[in-house]
Amino acid sequence: MNSEIAKRVTVNPVVLNPSQPRQSSSPTILKNLKHVSGYLHSPLVCLTFDDGPDPVYTPAILDLLALHKIRASFFVLGEAAERFPRLVERMLNEGHTVGNHTYSHRHPWMISPSRAKDEVARGSEAIQKITGQAPRWFRPPHGRLRRAMLKQVQAENMTTVLWSHSIIDWGPMGTETGVAQRLHDIKFGDIVLMHDGQRQHNHPHLIVQQLPKLAEWLVQRGITAVTLDQVA
């Protein structure tokens, strides 16, 4: 199964616009699609989901993305990927990008340098065992950078991805009204942060609720959602 997934992803890459050259190397830390050569004024956004896979909300989000023909990027936790490998396989089979969000989501500033490196390495290992491919993309928990993690990311030839627009679908600000408004405020070039994993304070049910409206709004604005693999 692993080799089959890797073969499909490698042989059938998605090219959004063949007339625009793809960049051979990405920035060390990517925060916005405007940082990618050739996409400064393109009507594109990158929708990203963190903290999954989740057995309840990840399938619901994948169903909605498939229904509206939207592709996204998922930053998965190694321990969750090991528990729900078929959801990771489904992400790739349906044209989404899978990135490393560490193994267990420990706060980068609250662990030793060796543990920080290990979190990155174990996250990559878990993904590669399922997909047959080493991940290209890394996002640190809470968006907090740590030198030890960045060194490991560089050693594994990954690019660190943060975001330019958070939907804040967590905590007391993660209300239905607030999430809806922030989804409406997405603009060209944004890398959008959302969550498909429940964890402690996330509200992925609000994302499931709002995704159809977001899909409609993107079409109205002429905005295309692309994966990280499609643009860099």
C-alpha atoms as a PDB file:
ATOM      1  CA  MET A   1       0.000   0.000   0.000  1.00  0.00           C
ATOM      2  CA  ASN A   2       2.776   2.449   0.880  1.00  0.00           C
ATOM      3  CA  SER A   3       4.566   2.033  -2.460  1.00  0.00           C
ATOM      4  CA  GLU A   4       1.293   2.390  -4.337  1.00  0.00           C
ATOM      5  CA  ILE A   5       0.538   5.692  -2.631  1.00  0.00           C
ATOM      6  CA  ALA A   6       4.036   7.005  -3.297  1.00  0.00           C
ATOM      7  CA  LYS A   7       3.801   5.980  -6.932  1.00  0.00           C
ATOM      8  CA  ARG A   8       0.485   7.741  -7.469  1.00  0.00           C
ATOM      9  CA  VAL A   9       1.681  10.947  -5.858  1.00  0.00           C
ATOM     10  CA  THR A  10       4.956  10.964  -7.774  1.00  0.00           C
ATOM     11  CA  VAL A  11       3.654  10.005 -11.203  1.00  0.00           C
ATOM     12  CA  ASN A  12       0.555  12.210 -11.132  1.00  0.00           C
ATOM     13  CA  PRO A  13       1.628  15.595  -9.754  1.00  0.00           C
ATOM     14  CA  VAL A  14      -0.867  18.452  -9.897  1.00  0.00           C
ATOM     15  CA  VAL A  15       0.334  21.498 -11.820  1.00  0.00           C
ATOM     16  CA  LEU A  16      -1.963  24.463 -11.333  1.00  0.00           C
ATOM     17  CA  ASN A  17      -0.538  26.614 -14.107  1.00  0.00           C
ATOM     18  CA  PRO A  18       2.145  25.109 -16.370  1.00  0.00           C
ATOM     19  CA  SER A  19       2.981  28.565 -17.752  1.00  0.00           C
ATOM     20  CA  GLN A  20       4.340  29.614 -14.358  1.00  0.00           C
ATOM     21  CA  PRO A  21       7.689  28.044 -13.465  1.00  0.00           C
ATOM     22  CA  ARG A  22       7.731  26.162 -10.183  1.00  0.00           C
ATOM     23  CA  GLN A  23      10.336  27.289  -7.733  1.00  0.00           C
ATOM     24  CA  SER A  24      13.179  24.811  -7.313  1.00  0.00           C
ATOM     25  CA  SER A  25      13.764  25.640  -3.664  1.00  0.00           C
ATOM     26  CA  SER A  26      11.397  27.079  -1.070  1.00  0.00           C
ATOM     27  CA  PRO A  27      12.137  29.693   1.575  1.00  0.00           C
ATOM     28  CA  THR A  28      13.363  28.342   4.897  1.00  0.00           C
ATOM     29  CA  ILE A  29      10.207  29.645   6.588  1.00  0.00           C
ATOM     30  CA  LEU A  30       7.113  30.100   4.444  1.00  0.00           C
ATOM     31  CA  LYS A  31       4.383  32.357   5.823  1.00  0.00           C
ATOM     32  CA  ASN A  32       2.522  33.495   2.725  1.00  0.00           C
ATOM     33  CA  LEU A  33       2.191  32.403  -0.896  1.00  0.00           C
ATOM     34  CA  LYS A  34       3.510  35.834  -1.863  1.00  0.00           C
ATOM     35  CA  HIS A  35       6.900  34.533  -0.753  1.00  0.00           C
ATOM     36  CA  VAL A  36       6.804  31.959  -3.557  1.00  0.00           C
ATOM     37  CA  SER A  37       8.177  33.158  -6.887  1.00  0.00           C
ATOM     38  CA  GLY A  38       5.504  33.525  -9.563  1.00  0.00           C
ATOM     39  CA  TYR A  39       2.546  33.786  -7.200  1.00  0.00           C
ATOM     40  CA  LEU A  40       2.755  37.381  -5.965  1.00  0.00           C
ATOM     41  CA  HIS A  41      -0.530  38.532  -7.498  1.00  0.00           C
ATOM     42  CA  SER A  42      -2.208  35.210  -8.256  1.00  0.00           C
ATOM     43  CA  PRO A  43      -5.701  34.599  -6.821  1.00  0.00           C
ATOM     44  CA  LEU A  44      -4.572  31.662  -4.721  1.00  0.00           C
ATOM     45  CA  VAL A  45      -4.827  30.604  -1.096  1.00  0.00           C
ATOM     46  CA  CYS A  46      -3.484  27.597   0.759  1.00  0.00           C
ATOM     47  CA  LEU A  47      -5.866  26.029   3.268  1.00  0.00           C
ATOM     48  CA  THR A  48      -4.064  24.119   6.012  1.00  0.00           C
ATOM     49  CA  PHE A  49      -5.342  21.896   8.808  1.00  0.00           C
ATOM     50  CA  ASP A  50      -3.410  20.986  11.965  1.00  0.00           C
ATOM     51  CA  ASP A  51      -3.485  18.414  14.773  1.00  0.00           C
ATOM     52  CA  GLY A  52      -5.080  15.484  12.947  1.00  0.00           C
ATOM     53  CA  PRO A  53      -5.867  13.009  11.769  1.00  0.00           C
ATOM     54  CA  ASP A  54      -8.996  12.893  13.886  1.00  0.00           C
ATOM     55  CA  PRO A  55     -11.425   9.967  13.483  1.00  0.00           C
ATOM     56  CA  VAL A  56     -14.485  12.241  13.616  1.00  0.00           C
ATOM     57  CA  TYR A  57     -13.583  15.558  12.018  1.00  0.00           C
ATOM     58  CA  THR A  58     -10.898  14.662   9.488  1.00  0.00           C
ATOM     59  CA  PRO A  59     -13.251  12.418   7.461  1.00  0.00           C
ATOM     60  CA  ALA A  60     -15.958  15.087   7.592  1.00  0.00           C
ATOM     61  CA  ILE A  61     -13.546  17.736   6.338  1.00  0.00           C
ATOM     62  CA  LEU A  62     -12.207  15.427   3.627  1.00  0.00           C
ATOM     63  CA  ASP A  63     -15.767  14.714   2.487  1.00  0.00           C
ATOM     64  CA  LEU A  64     -16.505  18.423   2.162  1.00  0.00           C
ATOM     65  CA  LEU A  65     -13.242  19.164   0.382  1.00  0.00           C
ATOM     66  CA  ALA A  66     -13.987  16.387  -2.114  1.00  0.00           C
ATOM     67  CA  LEU A  67     -17.552  17.612  -2.626  1.00  0.00           C
ATOM     68  CA  HIS A  68     -16.355  21.117  -3.457  1.00  0.00           C
ATOM     69  CA  LYS A  69     -13.235  19.982  -5.352  1.00  0.00           C
ATOM     70  CA  ILE A  70     -10.868  21.769  -2.970  1.00  0.00           C
ATOM     71  CA  ARG A  71      -7.385  20.590  -2.150  1.00  0.00           C
ATOM     72  CA  ALA A  72      -5.661  21.395   1.099  1.00  0.00           C
ATOM     73  CA  SER A  73      -2.584  20.676   3.193  1.00  0.00           C
ATOM     74  CA  PHE A  74      -2.721  18.670   6.421  1.00  0.00           C
ATOM     75  CA  PHE A  75      -0.054  18.940   9.110  1.00  0.00           C
ATOM     76  CA  VAL A  76      -0.459  15.670  10.975  1.00  0.00           C
ATOM     77  CA  LEU A  77       0.811  14.469  14.325  1.00  0.00           C
ATOM     78  CA  GLY A  78       2.906  11.321  14.163  1.00  0.00           C
ATOM     79  CA  GLU A  79       1.112   9.614  17.028  1.00  0.00           C
ATOM     80  CA  ALA A  80      -2.304  10.354  15.488  1.00  0.00           C
ATOM     81  CA  ALA A  81      -1.095   9.198  12.074  1.00  0.00           C
ATOM     82  CA  GLU A  82      -0.021   5.892  13.606  1.00  0.00           C
ATOM     83  CA  ARG A  83      -3.483   5.458  15.116  1.00  0.00           C
ATOM     84  CA  PHE A  84      -5.376   6.394  11.957  1.00  0.00           C
ATOM     85  CA  PRO A  85      -3.088   5.593   9.011  1.00  0.00           C
ATOM     86  CA  ARG A  86      -5.956   5.147   6.570  1.00  0.00           C
ATOM     87  CA  LEU A  87      -6.915   8.778   7.003  1.00  0.00           C
ATOM     88  CA  VAL A  88      -3.378   9.815   6.050  1.00  0.00           C
ATOM     89  CA  GLU A  89      -3.584   7.519   3.030  1.00  0.00           C
ATOM     90  CA  ARG A  90      -6.907   9.074   2.103  1.00  0.00           C
ATOM     91  CA  MET A  91      -5.428  12.577   2.286  1.00  0.00           C
ATOM     92  CA  LEU A  92      -2.813  11.677  -0.297  1.00  0.00           C
ATOM     93  CA  ASN A  93      -5.164   9.631  -2.469  1.00  0.00           C
ATOM     94  CA  GLU A  94      -7.477  12.634  -2.756  1.00  0.00           C
ATOM     95  CA  GLY A  95      -4.714  15.019  -3.819  1.00  0.00           C
ATOM     96  CA  HIS A  96      -3.927  16.747  -0.539  1.00  0.00           C
ATOM     97  CA  THR A  97      -0.499  17.482   0.907  1.00  0.00           C
ATOM     98  CA  VAL A  98       0.636  15.840   4.153  1.00  0.00           C
ATOM     99  CA  GLY A  99       3.149  17.640   6.363  1.00  0.00           C
ATOM    100  CA  ASN A 100       4.862  16.980   9.695  1.00  0.00           C
ATOM    101  CA  HIS A 101       3.438  18.647  12.832  1.00  0.00           C
ATOM    102  CA  THR A 102       5.815  16.728  15.157  1.00  0.00           C
ATOM    103  CA  TYR A 103       5.062  13.441  16.844  1.00  0.00           C
ATOM    104  CA  SER A 104       3.095  14.466  19.937  1.00  0.00           C
ATOM    105  CA  HIS A 105       2.570  18.262  19.792  1.00  0.00           C
ATOM    106  CA  ARG A 106       4.831  19.121  22.687  1.00  0.00           C
ATOM    107  CA  HIS A 107       5.436  22.863  23.018  1.00  0.00           C
ATOM    108  CA  PRO A 108       8.834  23.539  21.388  1.00  0.00           C
ATOM    109  CA  TRP A 109       9.934  25.841  24.202  1.00  0.00           C
ATOM    110  CA  MET A 110       9.032  23.427  26.990  1.00  0.00           C
ATOM    111  CA  ILE A 111      11.234  20.484  26.029  1.00  0.00           C
ATOM    112  CA  SER A 112      14.945  19.797  25.772  1.00  0.00           C
ATOM    113  CA  PRO A 113      16.830  20.333  22.484  1.00  0.00           C
ATOM    114  CA  SER A 114      17.240  16.578  22.044  1.00  0.00           C
ATOM    115  CA  ARG A 115      13.524  15.986  22.607  1.00  0.00           C
ATOM    116  CA  ALA A 116      12.721  18.793  20.169  1.00  0.00           C
ATOM    117  CA  LYS A 117      14.796  17.128  17.442  1.00  0.00           C
ATOM    118  CA  ASP A 118      13.252  13.768  18.269  1.00  0.00           C
ATOM    119  CA  GLU A 119       9.731  15.169  17.920  1.00  0.00           C
ATOM    120  CA  VAL A 120      10.524  16.227  14.362  1.00  0.00           C
ATOM    121  CA  ALA A 121      12.298  13.007  13.441  1.00  0.00           C
ATOM    122  CA  ARG A 122       9.610  10.717  14.871  1.00  0.00           C
ATOM    123  CA  GLY A 123       6.889  12.721  13.148  1.00  0.00           C
ATOM    124  CA  SER A 124       8.609  12.285   9.800  1.00  0.00           C
ATOM    125  CA  GLU A 125       9.217   8.609  10.444  1.00  0.00           C
ATOM    126  CA  ALA A 126       5.550   7.979  11.216  1.00  0.00           C
ATOM    127  CA  ILE A 127       4.454   9.699   8.009  1.00  0.00           C
ATOM    128  CA  GLN A 128       7.017   7.931   5.846  1.00  0.00           C
ATOM    129  CA  LYS A 129       6.010   4.515   7.157  1.00  0.00           C
ATOM    130  CA  ILE A 130       2.453   5.178   6.005  1.00  0.00           C
ATOM    131  CA  THR A 131       3.023   7.014   2.732  1.00  0.00           C
ATOM    132  CA  GLY A 132       6.376   5.693   1.573  1.00  0.00           C
ATOM    133  CA  GLN A 133       7.591   9.281   1.264  1.00  0.00           C
ATOM    134  CA  ALA A 134       9.463  11.632   3.550  1.00  0.00           C
ATOM    135  CA  PRO A 135       7.416  14.793   4.214  1.00  0.00           C
ATOM    136  CA  ARG A 136       8.502  18.025   2.529  1.00  0.00           C
ATOM    137  CA  TRP A 137       6.778  20.385   4.943  1.00  0.00           C
ATOM    138  CA  PHE A 138       6.965  21.044   8.678  1.00  0.00           C
ATOM    139  CA  ARG A 139       4.898  23.181  11.014  1.00  0.00           C
ATOM    140  CA  PRO A 140       5.947  23.572  14.666  1.00  0.00           C
ATOM    141  CA  PRO A 141       3.287  23.229  17.377  1.00  0.00           C
ATOM    142  CA  HIS A 142       1.783  26.602  18.322  1.00  0.00           C
ATOM    143  CA  GLY A 143       3.880  28.141  15.534  1.00  0.00           C
ATOM    144  CA  ARG A 144       6.781  28.426  17.988  1.00  0.00           C
ATOM    145  CA  LEU A 145      10.231  28.186  16.445  1.00  0.00           C
ATOM    146  CA  ARG A 146      13.066  26.337  18.150  1.00  0.00           C
ATOM    147  CA  ARG A 147      16.623  26.185  16.830  1.00  0.00           C
ATOM    148  CA  ALA A 148      16.976  22.468  17.544  1.00  0.00           C
ATOM    149  CA  MET A 149      13.809  21.757  15.575  1.00  0.00           C
ATOM    150  CA  LEU A 150      14.852  23.956  12.671  1.00  0.00           C
ATOM    151  CA  LYS A 151      18.195  22.176  12.463  1.00  0.00           C
ATOM    152  CA  GLN A 152      16.431  18.834  12.253  1.00  0.00           C
ATOM    153  CA  VAL A 153      14.006  20.207   9.673  1.00  0.00           C
ATOM    154  CA  GLN A 154      16.951  21.391   7.579  1.00  0.00           C
ATOM    155  CA  ALA A 155      18.685  18.036   7.949  1.00  0.00           C
ATOM    156  CA  GLU A 156      15.570  16.354   6.587  1.00  0.00           C
ATOM    157  CA  ASN A 157      15.267  18.849   3.693  1.00  0.00           C
ATOM    158  CA  MET A 158      11.873  20.108   4.827  1.00  0.00           C
ATOM    159  CA  THR A 159      10.504  23.638   4.661  1.00  0.00           C
ATOM    160  CA  THR A 160       8.947  25.212   7.736  1.00  0.00           C
ATOM    161  CA  VAL A 161       5.473  26.596   7.079  1.00  0.00           C
ATOM    162  CA  LEU A 162       3.693  29.045   9.353  1.00  0.00           C
ATOM    163  CA  TRP A 163       0.640  31.068   8.272  1.00  0.00           C
ATOM    164  CA  SER A 164      -0.546  34.553   7.382  1.00  0.00           C
ATOM    165  CA  HIS A 165      -4.185  34.171   8.436  1.00  0.00           C
ATOM    166  CA  SER A 166      -5.428  32.176  11.426  1.00  0.00           C
ATOM    167  CA  ILE A 167      -9.105  31.340  11.645  1.00  0.00           C
ATOM    168  CA  ILE A 168      -8.641  31.059  15.440  1.00  0.00           C
ATOM    169  CA  ASP A 169     -10.953  28.056  15.607  1.00  0.00           C
ATOM    170  CA  TRP A 170      -9.923  27.369  19.177  1.00  0.00           C
ATOM    171  CA  GLY A 171     -10.325  28.782  22.666  1.00  0.00           C
ATOM    172  CA  PRO A 172     -12.808  31.495  23.695  1.00  0.00           C
ATOM    173  CA  MET A 173     -12.355  33.400  20.416  1.00  0.00           C
ATOM    174  CA  GLY A 174     -13.314  30.325  18.438  1.00  0.00           C
ATOM    175  CA  THR A 175     -16.985  31.232  18.158  1.00  0.00           C
ATOM    176  CA  GLU A 176     -19.284  30.566  15.226  1.00  0.00           C
ATOM    177  CA  THR A 177     -19.472  34.267  14.389  1.00  0.00           C
ATOM    178  CA  GLY A 178     -15.742  34.829  14.760  1.00  0.00           C
ATOM    179  CA  VAL A 179     -14.777  31.808  12.653  1.00  0.00           C
ATOM    180  CA  ALA A 180     -17.239  32.787   9.929  1.00  0.00           C
ATOM    181  CA  GLN A 181     -15.919  36.351   9.802  1.00  0.00           C
ATOM    182  CA  ARG A 182     -12.266  35.291   9.676  1.00  0.00           C
ATOM    183  CA  LEU A 183     -12.985  32.809   6.901  1.00  0.00           C
ATOM    184  CA  HIS A 184     -14.653  35.633   4.974  1.00  0.00           C
ATOM    185  CA  ASP A 185     -11.560  37.801   5.493  1.00  0.00           C
ATOM    186  CA  ILE A 186      -9.219  35.423   3.631  1.00  0.00           C
ATOM    187  CA  LYS A 187      -7.307  37.256   0.905  1.00  0.00           C
ATOM    188  CA  PHE A 188      -5.058  36.429  -2.056  1.00  0.00           C
ATOM    189  CA  GLY A 189      -1.832  34.727  -1.056  1.00  0.00           C
ATOM    190  CA  ASP A 190      -2.914  33.687   2.422  1.00  0.00           C
ATOM    191  CA  ILE A 191      -1.753  30.501   4.070  1.00  0.00           C
ATOM    192  CA  VAL A 192      -4.768  29.810   6.257  1.00  0.00           C
ATOM    193  CA  LEU A 193      -4.537  28.010   9.597  1.00  0.00           C
ATOM    194  CA  MET A 194      -7.398  25.758  10.716  1.00  0.00           C
ATOM    195  CA  HIS A 195      -7.675  22.565  12.753  1.00  0.00           C
ATOM    196  CA  ASP A 196      -9.120  19.150  11.981  1.00  0.00           C
ATOM    197  CA  GLY A 197      -7.888  17.660  15.272  1.00  0.00           C
ATOM    198  CA  GLN A 198      -9.861  18.251  18.460  1.00  0.00           C
ATOM    199  CA  ARG A 199      -7.061  18.193  21.036  1.00  0.00           C
ATOM    200  CA  GLN A 200      -7.736  20.418  24.058  1.00  0.00           C
ATOM    201  CA  HIS A 201      -9.288  23.676  22.908  1.00  0.00           C
ATOM    202  CA  ASN A 202      -9.866  23.290  19.160  1.00  0.00           C
ATOM    203  CA  HIS A 203     -13.339  23.600  17.635  1.00  0.00           C
ATOM    204  CA  PRO A 204     -13.155  21.641  14.355  1.00  0.00           C
ATOM    205  CA  HIS A 205     -16.941  21.287  14.341  1.00  0.00           C
ATOM    206  CA  LEU A 206     -17.094  24.982  13.429  1.00  0.00           C
ATOM    207  CA  ILE A 207     -14.818  24.368  10.453  1.00  0.00           C
ATOM    208  CA  VAL A 208     -17.051  21.526   9.281  1.00  0.00           C
ATOM    209  CA  GLN A 209     -20.025  23.850   9.643  1.00  0.00           C
ATOM    210  CA  GLN A 210     -18.424  26.744   7.740  1.00  0.00           C
ATOM    211  CA  LEU A 211     -16.518  24.953   4.950  1.00  0.00           C
ATOM    212  CA  PRO A 212     -19.437  24.890   2.470  1.00  0.00           C
ATOM    213  CA  LYS A 213     -19.852  28.648   2.878  1.00  0.00           C
ATOM    214  CA  LEU A 214     -16.118  29.135   2.423  1.00  0.00           C
ATOM    215  CA  ALA A 215     -16.159  27.062  -0.763  1.00  0.00           C
ATOM    216  CA  GLU A 216     -18.981  29.181  -2.171  1.00  0.00           C
ATOM    217  CA  TRP A 217     -17.216  32.395  -1.224  1.00  0.00           C
ATOM    218  CA  LEU A 218     -13.934  31.314  -2.856  1.00  0.00           C
ATOM    219  CA  VAL A 219     -15.768  30.633  -6.115  1.00  0.00           C
ATOM    220  CA  GLN A 220     -17.481  34.015  -5.967  1.00  0.00           C
ATOM    221  CA  ARG A 221     -14.144  35.751  -5.456  1.00  0.00           C
ATOM    222  CA  GLY A 222     -12.387  33.731  -8.156  1.00  0.00           C
ATOM    223  CA  ILE A 223      -9.906  32.339  -5.627  1.00  0.00           C
ATOM    224  CA  THR A 224      -8.358  28.891  -6.070  1.00  0.00           C
ATOM    225  CA  ALA A 225      -7.260  26.823  -3.082  1.00  0.00           C
ATOM    226  CA  VAL A 226      -3.989  25.026  -3.735  1.00  0.00           C
ATOM    227  CA  THR A 227      -1.766  22.668  -1.787  1.00  0.00           C
ATOM    228  CA  LEU A 228       1.791  23.412  -0.775  1.00  0.00           C
ATOM    229  CA  ASP A 229       2.994  20.736  -3.189  1.00  0.00           C
ATOM    230  CA  GLN A 230       1.259  22.531  -6.050  1.00  0.00           C
ATOM    231  CA  VAL A 231       3.023  25.859  -5.627  1.00  0.00           C
ATOM    232  CA  ALA A 232       6.493  25.051  -4.326  1.00  0.00           C
END
